[in-house]
Amino acid sequence: MHIASHNRTIYLKQCPRCNGDVGVGSDQYGRYLHCLQCGYMSDIGHANTDENRHSDDLRDFVA
């Protein structure tokens, strides 16, 4: 039996639409940010393991 471990990052009160909590997700098209309250979504590009790159993308999303 294989149990998958999921790292979830949530940024509290960072949604530009409703000030809700923003989660980071990824799919076959790349990474995205999504609001857990209102459903707002924004692409942040292809999957990248560099945390500094992710921080820059989040600043663009929030600003």
Protein backbone atom coordinates (compact mmCIF):
# COMPACT_ATOMS: atom_id res chain seq x y z
CA MET A 1 0.00 0.00 0.00
CA HIS A 2 1.34 3.41 -1.01
CA ILE A 3 0.39 6.51 0.96
CA ALA A 4 1.07 9.80 -0.79
CA SER A 5 2.27 12.78 1.18
CA HIS A 6 1.00 16.17 0.04
CA ASN A 7 2.65 19.45 0.94
CA ARG A 8 0.05 22.20 0.86
CA THR A 9 0.91 25.87 1.09
CA ILE A 10 -1.80 28.33 2.03
CA TYR A 11 -1.38 32.09 2.17
CA LEU A 12 -3.89 33.64 4.55
CA LYS A 13 -5.93 36.66 3.40
CA GLN A 14 -4.08 37.10 0.09
CA CYS A 15 -6.90 36.90 -2.48
CA PRO A 16 -7.15 40.13 -4.50
CA ARG A 17 -10.90 39.62 -5.00
CA CYS A 18 -12.24 38.76 -1.53
CA ASN A 19 -9.24 38.81 0.86
CA GLY A 20 -9.69 35.06 1.32
CA ASP A 21 -7.05 32.37 1.80
CA VAL A 22 -5.00 31.38 -1.26
CA GLY A 23 -3.74 27.86 -1.91
CA VAL A 24 -1.09 26.69 -4.38
CA GLY A 25 -1.97 23.91 -6.78
CA SER A 26 -0.60 22.30 -9.91
CA ASP A 27 -1.88 20.27 -12.80
CA GLN A 28 -0.71 19.16 -16.24
CA TYR A 29 -0.61 22.80 -17.41
CA GLY A 30 1.52 24.19 -14.57
CA ARG A 31 1.14 25.83 -11.19
CA TYR A 32 -1.69 28.08 -10.10
CA LEU A 33 -3.01 29.94 -7.10
CA HIS A 34 -6.64 29.57 -6.08
CA CYS A 35 -8.79 31.22 -3.43
CA LEU A 36 -10.40 28.77 -1.04
CA GLN A 37 -13.35 31.10 -0.38
CA CYS A 38 -14.41 32.64 -3.72
CA GLY A 39 -12.66 30.36 -6.24
CA TYR A 40 -10.53 33.06 -7.91
CA MET A 41 -7.64 31.49 -9.84
CA SER A 42 -4.40 32.75 -11.35
CA ASP A 43 -1.72 30.84 -13.27
CA ILE A 44 1.84 31.13 -11.97
CA GLY A 45 3.58 29.21 -14.74
CA HIS A 46 5.13 25.79 -15.07
CA ALA A 47 5.94 23.61 -12.07
CA ASN A 48 9.18 24.79 -10.47
CA THR A 49 10.84 23.50 -7.30
CA ASP A 50 12.75 26.72 -6.62
CA GLU A 51 11.03 28.37 -3.63
CA ASN A 52 12.45 31.81 -4.49
CA ARG A 53 10.76 31.67 -7.89
CA HIS A 54 7.46 30.79 -6.21
CA SER A 55 7.77 33.77 -3.83
CA ASP A 56 8.23 36.10 -6.81
CA ASP A 57 5.15 34.63 -8.50
CA LEU A 58 3.08 35.11 -5.34
CA ARG A 59 4.15 38.76 -5.10
CA ASP A 60 2.93 39.27 -8.69
CA PHE A 61 -0.39 37.62 -7.78
CA VAL A 62 -0.94 39.72 -4.65
CA ALA A 63 0.30 43.07 -5.98
